[in-house]
Amino acid sequence: MSHAPVYMIVQLDITDMPTFMTEYAASLQGIHARHGVEVLVATPSPTVLEGEYDKSIVVVLKFPSAEAQKAWYADPEYQPLLKRRLELTNTDTSVALFVPEFGHVHPAEQGTA
């Protein structure tokens, strides 16, 4: 069991921002609190230093551990929200990544998933 934090980096191409905010984002607070999720960044207007950025929003979430991230993603209360998020975003161009804290190797990369 790893107790190192992991992060979710999300770049979404949202097709209906008002509905996304009311039907998805507004419903996350309780689920986030239950799993110890901290929203580090959530902005539709990041400063682009290199390349091109054409997404609707960028979000960075911090989870206390890989186990907490897995429990959050599998939470039965989150499943209808996940379905709704996928309906409201262009899944061909949206990206959601989970990454370990710098200096820590994710358990799956150690062969001990």
N, C-alpha and C. Protein backbone atom coordinates (compact mmCIF):
# COMPACT_ATOMS: atom_id res chain seq x y z
N MET A 1 0.84 -1.18 0.00
CA MET A 1 0.00 0.00 0.00
C MET A 1 0.89 1.25 0.00
N SER A 2 0.63 2.12 -0.96
CA SER A 2 1.41 3.35 -1.09
C SER A 2 0.67 4.50 -0.43
N HIS A 3 1.39 5.31 0.31
CA HIS A 3 0.78 6.49 0.92
C HIS A 3 1.26 7.77 0.26
N ALA A 4 1.98 7.65 -0.84
CA ALA A 4 2.43 8.83 -1.58
C ALA A 4 1.25 9.40 -2.37
N PRO A 5 1.14 10.72 -2.44
CA PRO A 5 0.04 11.31 -3.21
C PRO A 5 0.15 10.99 -4.70
N VAL A 6 -0.99 10.99 -5.36
CA VAL A 6 -1.05 10.90 -6.82
C VAL A 6 -1.91 12.06 -7.30
N TYR A 7 -1.75 12.40 -8.56
CA TYR A 7 -2.42 13.56 -9.13
C TYR A 7 -3.18 13.17 -10.37
N MET A 8 -4.31 13.82 -10.57
CA MET A 8 -5.08 13.66 -11.80
C MET A 8 -4.97 14.98 -12.56
N ILE A 9 -4.51 14.89 -13.79
CA ILE A 9 -4.41 16.07 -14.66
C ILE A 9 -5.45 15.88 -15.76
N VAL A 10 -6.35 16.84 -15.86
CA VAL A 10 -7.47 16.73 -16.79
C VAL A 10 -7.49 17.94 -17.70
N GLN A 11 -7.61 17.68 -18.99
CA GLN A 11 -7.82 18.72 -19.98
C GLN A 11 -9.06 18.31 -20.76
N LEU A 12 -10.14 19.03 -20.55
CA LEU A 12 -11.42 18.63 -21.14
C LEU A 12 -11.84 19.58 -22.25
N ASP A 13 -12.40 18.99 -23.28
CA ASP A 13 -13.04 19.72 -24.37
C ASP A 13 -14.55 19.57 -24.11
N ILE A 14 -15.14 20.54 -23.44
CA ILE A 14 -16.51 20.45 -22.98
C ILE A 14 -17.46 20.99 -24.04
N THR A 15 -18.51 20.22 -24.32
CA THR A 15 -19.46 20.60 -25.37
C THR A 15 -20.57 21.51 -24.88
N ASP A 16 -20.85 21.51 -23.57
CA ASP A 16 -21.91 22.34 -22.99
C ASP A 16 -21.47 22.76 -21.58
N MET A 17 -20.75 23.88 -21.49
CA MET A 17 -20.15 24.31 -20.22
C MET A 17 -21.19 24.58 -19.13
N PRO A 18 -22.29 25.30 -19.38
CA PRO A 18 -23.25 25.53 -18.28
C PRO A 18 -23.80 24.22 -17.70
N THR A 19 -24.15 23.28 -18.55
CA THR A 19 -24.66 21.99 -18.08
C THR A 19 -23.58 21.21 -17.36
N PHE A 20 -22.36 21.26 -17.87
CA PHE A 20 -21.24 20.59 -17.23
C PHE A 20 -21.06 21.10 -15.80
N MET A 21 -21.11 22.41 -15.63
CA MET A 21 -20.91 23.00 -14.31
C MET A 21 -22.04 22.63 -13.35
N THR A 22 -23.29 22.65 -13.82
CA THR A 22 -24.42 22.38 -12.91
C THR A 22 -24.66 20.90 -12.68
N GLU A 23 -24.46 20.07 -13.70
CA GLU A 23 -24.79 18.65 -13.58
C GLU A 23 -23.60 17.77 -13.21
N TYR A 24 -22.39 18.28 -13.36
CA TYR A 24 -21.21 17.48 -13.03
C TYR A 24 -20.39 18.15 -11.93
N ALA A 25 -19.80 19.26 -12.23
CA ALA A 25 -18.85 19.90 -11.30
C ALA A 25 -19.48 20.24 -9.95
N ALA A 26 -20.70 20.75 -9.96
CA ALA A 26 -21.35 21.15 -8.71
C ALA A 26 -21.65 19.97 -7.78
N SER A 27 -21.63 18.76 -8.32
CA SER A 27 -21.97 17.57 -7.53
C SER A 27 -20.76 16.85 -6.94
N LEU A 28 -19.56 17.36 -7.15
CA LEU A 28 -18.35 16.64 -6.76
C LEU A 28 -17.88 16.87 -5.33
N GLN A 29 -18.31 17.92 -4.68
CA GLN A 29 -17.75 18.30 -3.38
C GLN A 29 -17.81 17.17 -2.35
N GLY A 30 -18.95 16.53 -2.19
CA GLY A 30 -19.08 15.46 -1.20
C GLY A 30 -18.22 14.26 -1.52
N ILE A 31 -18.17 13.89 -2.78
CA ILE A 31 -17.34 12.75 -3.20
C ILE A 31 -15.87 13.08 -2.98
N HIS A 32 -15.46 14.28 -3.34
CA HIS A 32 -14.07 14.70 -3.13
C HIS A 32 -13.72 14.66 -1.65
N ALA A 33 -14.59 15.18 -0.81
CA ALA A 33 -14.33 15.21 0.63
C ALA A 33 -14.20 13.80 1.19
N ARG A 34 -15.05 12.91 0.75
CA ARG A 34 -15.04 11.53 1.24
C ARG A 34 -13.71 10.81 0.93
N HIS A 35 -13.08 11.17 -0.19
CA HIS A 35 -11.86 10.50 -0.62
C HIS A 35 -10.61 11.34 -0.41
N GLY A 36 -10.73 12.48 0.25
CA GLY A 36 -9.57 13.31 0.53
C GLY A 36 -8.99 14.00 -0.69
N VAL A 37 -9.82 14.26 -1.69
CA VAL A 37 -9.36 14.89 -2.93
C VAL A 37 -9.24 16.39 -2.72
N GLU A 38 -8.13 16.94 -3.19
CA GLU A 38 -7.89 18.38 -3.13
C GLU A 38 -7.81 18.92 -4.55
N VAL A 39 -8.62 19.92 -4.87
CA VAL A 39 -8.56 20.57 -6.18
C VAL A 39 -7.43 21.59 -6.12
N LEU A 40 -6.36 21.34 -6.85
CA LEU A 40 -5.22 22.26 -6.86
C LEU A 40 -5.38 23.36 -7.90
N VAL A 41 -5.96 23.00 -9.04
CA VAL A 41 -6.15 23.94 -10.15
C VAL A 41 -7.45 23.58 -10.86
N ALA A 42 -8.21 24.59 -11.22
CA ALA A 42 -9.38 24.42 -12.09
C ALA A 42 -9.60 25.75 -12.79
N THR A 43 -9.24 25.81 -14.06
CA THR A 43 -9.34 27.08 -14.78
C THR A 43 -9.63 26.85 -16.26
N PRO A 44 -10.46 27.71 -16.83
CA PRO A 44 -10.67 27.66 -18.27
C PRO A 44 -9.61 28.47 -19.02
N SER A 45 -8.75 29.17 -18.29
CA SER A 45 -7.81 30.09 -18.94
C SER A 45 -6.38 29.93 -18.45
N PRO A 46 -5.74 28.79 -18.73
CA PRO A 46 -4.34 28.66 -18.32
C PRO A 46 -3.44 29.54 -19.19
N THR A 47 -2.30 29.91 -18.66
CA THR A 47 -1.31 30.63 -19.45
C THR A 47 -0.50 29.60 -20.22
N VAL A 48 -0.52 29.68 -21.54
CA VAL A 48 0.17 28.72 -22.39
C VAL A 48 1.59 29.22 -22.64
N LEU A 49 2.57 28.43 -22.21
CA LEU A 49 3.97 28.79 -22.41
C LEU A 49 4.53 28.19 -23.69
N GLU A 50 4.09 26.99 -24.03
CA GLU A 50 4.56 26.31 -25.23
C GLU A 50 3.40 25.58 -25.88
N GLY A 51 3.44 25.47 -27.19
CA GLY A 51 2.41 24.73 -27.91
C GLY A 51 1.09 25.49 -27.98
N GLU A 52 0.05 24.73 -28.32
CA GLU A 52 -1.28 25.31 -28.45
C GLU A 52 -2.21 24.66 -27.45
N TYR A 53 -3.14 25.42 -26.93
CA TYR A 53 -4.11 24.92 -25.96
C TYR A 53 -5.50 25.28 -26.46
N ASP A 54 -6.33 24.27 -26.68
CA ASP A 54 -7.67 24.53 -27.20
C ASP A 54 -8.75 23.81 -26.39
N LYS A 55 -8.46 23.51 -25.14
CA LYS A 55 -9.43 22.82 -24.29
C LYS A 55 -10.33 23.84 -23.58
N SER A 56 -11.40 23.34 -22.98
CA SER A 56 -12.34 24.21 -22.26
C SER A 56 -11.91 24.47 -20.83
N ILE A 57 -11.20 23.50 -20.23
CA ILE A 57 -10.82 23.62 -18.83
C ILE A 57 -9.64 22.70 -18.54
N VAL A 58 -8.80 23.12 -17.63
CA VAL A 58 -7.73 22.26 -17.12
C VAL A 58 -7.92 22.16 -15.61
N VAL A 59 -7.81 20.92 -15.10
CA VAL A 59 -8.01 20.65 -13.68
C VAL A 59 -6.86 19.77 -13.19
N VAL A 60 -6.35 20.07 -12.00
CA VAL A 60 -5.36 19.22 -11.36
C VAL A 60 -5.91 18.87 -9.98
N LEU A 61 -6.07 17.57 -9.74
CA LEU A 61 -6.56 17.06 -8.46
C LEU A 61 -5.44 16.33 -7.75
N LYS A 62 -5.40 16.44 -6.43
CA LYS A 62 -4.43 15.71 -5.61
C LYS A 62 -5.18 14.69 -4.76
N PHE A 63 -4.75 13.44 -4.84
CA PHE A 63 -5.31 12.36 -4.03
C PHE A 63 -4.27 11.96 -2.99
N PRO A 64 -4.68 11.60 -1.79
CA PRO A 64 -3.72 11.24 -0.76
C PRO A 64 -2.91 9.99 -1.08
N SER A 65 -3.43 9.13 -1.96
CA SER A 65 -2.72 7.89 -2.32
C SER A 65 -3.34 7.32 -3.59
N ALA A 66 -2.65 6.35 -4.19
CA ALA A 66 -3.21 5.66 -5.35
C ALA A 66 -4.48 4.92 -4.96
N GLU A 67 -4.52 4.40 -3.74
CA GLU A 67 -5.70 3.68 -3.27
C GLU A 67 -6.90 4.63 -3.18
N ALA A 68 -6.67 5.84 -2.70
CA ALA A 68 -7.75 6.83 -2.62
C ALA A 68 -8.25 7.20 -4.01
N GLN A 69 -7.34 7.33 -4.97
CA GLN A 69 -7.72 7.65 -6.34
C GLN A 69 -8.58 6.54 -6.92
N LYS A 70 -8.19 5.30 -6.71
CA LYS A 70 -8.97 4.16 -7.23
C LYS A 70 -10.34 4.10 -6.58
N ALA A 71 -10.41 4.34 -5.28
CA ALA A 71 -11.69 4.31 -4.57
C ALA A 71 -12.60 5.44 -5.05
N TRP A 72 -12.03 6.62 -5.29
CA TRP A 72 -12.80 7.75 -5.80
C TRP A 72 -13.38 7.43 -7.17
N TYR A 73 -12.55 6.92 -8.06
CA TYR A 73 -12.99 6.64 -9.43
C TYR A 73 -14.04 5.54 -9.47
N ALA A 74 -13.97 4.58 -8.54
CA ALA A 74 -14.91 3.46 -8.49
C ALA A 74 -16.12 3.74 -7.60
N ASP A 75 -16.15 4.88 -6.91
CA ASP A 75 -17.23 5.20 -5.99
C ASP A 75 -18.58 5.11 -6.71
N PRO A 76 -19.52 4.33 -6.18
CA PRO A 76 -20.83 4.20 -6.82
C PRO A 76 -21.54 5.54 -7.02
N GLU A 77 -21.32 6.50 -6.14
CA GLU A 77 -21.94 7.82 -6.28
C GLU A 77 -21.31 8.60 -7.44
N TYR A 78 -20.05 8.29 -7.77
CA TYR A 78 -19.37 9.00 -8.86
C TYR A 78 -19.76 8.44 -10.24
N GLN A 79 -20.16 7.19 -10.32
CA GLN A 79 -20.40 6.55 -11.61
C GLN A 79 -21.40 7.30 -12.50
N PRO A 80 -22.57 7.73 -11.99
CA PRO A 80 -23.46 8.50 -12.87
C PRO A 80 -22.87 9.85 -13.27
N LEU A 81 -22.06 10.43 -12.39
CA LEU A 81 -21.40 11.70 -12.73
C LEU A 81 -20.35 11.48 -13.81
N LEU A 82 -19.60 10.39 -13.70
CA LEU A 82 -18.61 10.07 -14.74
C LEU A 82 -19.30 9.88 -16.08
N LYS A 83 -20.41 9.16 -16.07
CA LYS A 83 -21.17 8.96 -17.31
C LYS A 83 -21.60 10.31 -17.89
N ARG A 84 -22.08 11.20 -17.02
CA ARG A 84 -22.52 12.51 -17.49
C ARG A 84 -21.35 13.34 -18.00
N ARG A 85 -20.19 13.26 -17.32
CA ARG A 85 -19.00 13.98 -17.80
C ARG A 85 -18.63 13.52 -19.20
N LEU A 86 -18.66 12.22 -19.41
CA LEU A 86 -18.30 11.69 -20.73
C LEU A 86 -19.29 12.13 -21.80
N GLU A 87 -20.57 12.28 -21.43
CA GLU A 87 -21.58 12.76 -22.37
C GLU A 87 -21.38 14.23 -22.71
N LEU A 88 -20.82 14.99 -21.79
CA LEU A 88 -20.68 16.44 -21.98
C LEU A 88 -19.31 16.87 -22.48
N THR A 89 -18.45 15.91 -22.78
CA THR A 89 -17.12 16.25 -23.28
C THR A 89 -16.83 15.49 -24.56
N ASN A 90 -15.95 16.05 -25.34
CA ASN A 90 -15.48 15.38 -26.55
C ASN A 90 -14.41 14.40 -26.11
N THR A 91 -14.74 13.12 -26.05
CA THR A 91 -13.81 12.12 -25.54
C THR A 91 -12.65 11.84 -26.50
N ASP A 92 -12.76 12.29 -27.75
CA ASP A 92 -11.65 12.12 -28.68
C ASP A 92 -10.52 13.10 -28.40
N THR A 93 -10.82 14.24 -27.80
CA THR A 93 -9.78 15.25 -27.58
C THR A 93 -9.56 15.58 -26.11
N SER A 94 -10.37 15.03 -25.21
CA SER A 94 -10.19 15.26 -23.78
C SER A 94 -9.19 14.25 -23.23
N VAL A 95 -8.45 14.65 -22.18
CA VAL A 95 -7.43 13.80 -21.59
C VAL A 95 -7.56 13.83 -20.07
N ALA A 96 -7.46 12.66 -19.44
CA ALA A 96 -7.41 12.56 -17.98
C ALA A 96 -6.28 11.59 -17.64
N LEU A 97 -5.29 12.05 -16.90
CA LEU A 97 -4.12 11.24 -16.55
C LEU A 97 -3.97 11.16 -15.05
N PHE A 98 -3.55 10.02 -14.54
CA PHE A 98 -3.16 9.88 -13.14
C PHE A 98 -1.66 9.69 -13.10
N VAL A 99 -0.99 10.49 -12.29
CA VAL A 99 0.47 10.41 -12.21
C VAL A 99 0.91 10.39 -10.75
N PRO A 100 2.00 9.67 -10.46
CA PRO A 100 2.50 9.66 -9.08
C PRO A 100 3.23 10.95 -8.76
N GLU A 101 3.42 11.18 -7.49
CA GLU A 101 4.22 12.32 -7.06
C GLU A 101 5.65 12.13 -7.58
N PHE A 102 6.31 13.19 -7.95
CA PHE A 102 7.67 13.11 -8.46
C PHE A 102 8.56 12.38 -7.44
N GLY A 103 9.33 11.43 -7.92
CA GLY A 103 10.23 10.69 -7.05
C GLY A 103 9.63 9.39 -6.53
N HIS A 104 8.34 9.18 -6.77
CA HIS A 104 7.69 7.94 -6.35
C HIS A 104 7.27 7.15 -7.59
N VAL A 105 7.46 5.88 -7.56
CA VAL A 105 7.06 5.02 -8.66
C VAL A 105 5.69 4.45 -8.32
N HIS A 106 4.78 4.54 -9.29
CA HIS A 106 3.44 3.99 -9.09
C HIS A 106 3.55 2.49 -8.88
N PRO A 107 2.75 1.90 -7.96
CA PRO A 107 2.83 0.46 -7.68
C PRO A 107 2.72 -0.40 -8.93
N ALA A 108 1.92 -0.02 -9.92
CA ALA A 108 1.78 -0.81 -11.14
C ALA A 108 3.11 -0.89 -11.90
N GLU A 109 3.93 0.16 -11.79
CA GLU A 109 5.22 0.17 -12.47
C GLU A 109 6.23 -0.67 -11.75
N GLN A 110 5.96 -1.04 -10.50
CA GLN A 110 6.86 -1.91 -9.74
C GLN A 110 6.45 -3.36 -9.87
N GLY A 111 5.34 -3.60 -10.58
CA GLY A 111 4.86 -4.96 -10.73
C GLY A 111 4.06 -5.43 -9.53
N THR A 112 3.63 -4.49 -8.65
CA THR A 112 2.87 -4.86 -7.46
C THR A 112 1.56 -4.09 -7.43
N ALA A 113 0.82 -4.18 -8.51
CA ALA A 113 -0.43 -3.42 -8.62
C ALA A 113 -1.45 -3.83 -7.58
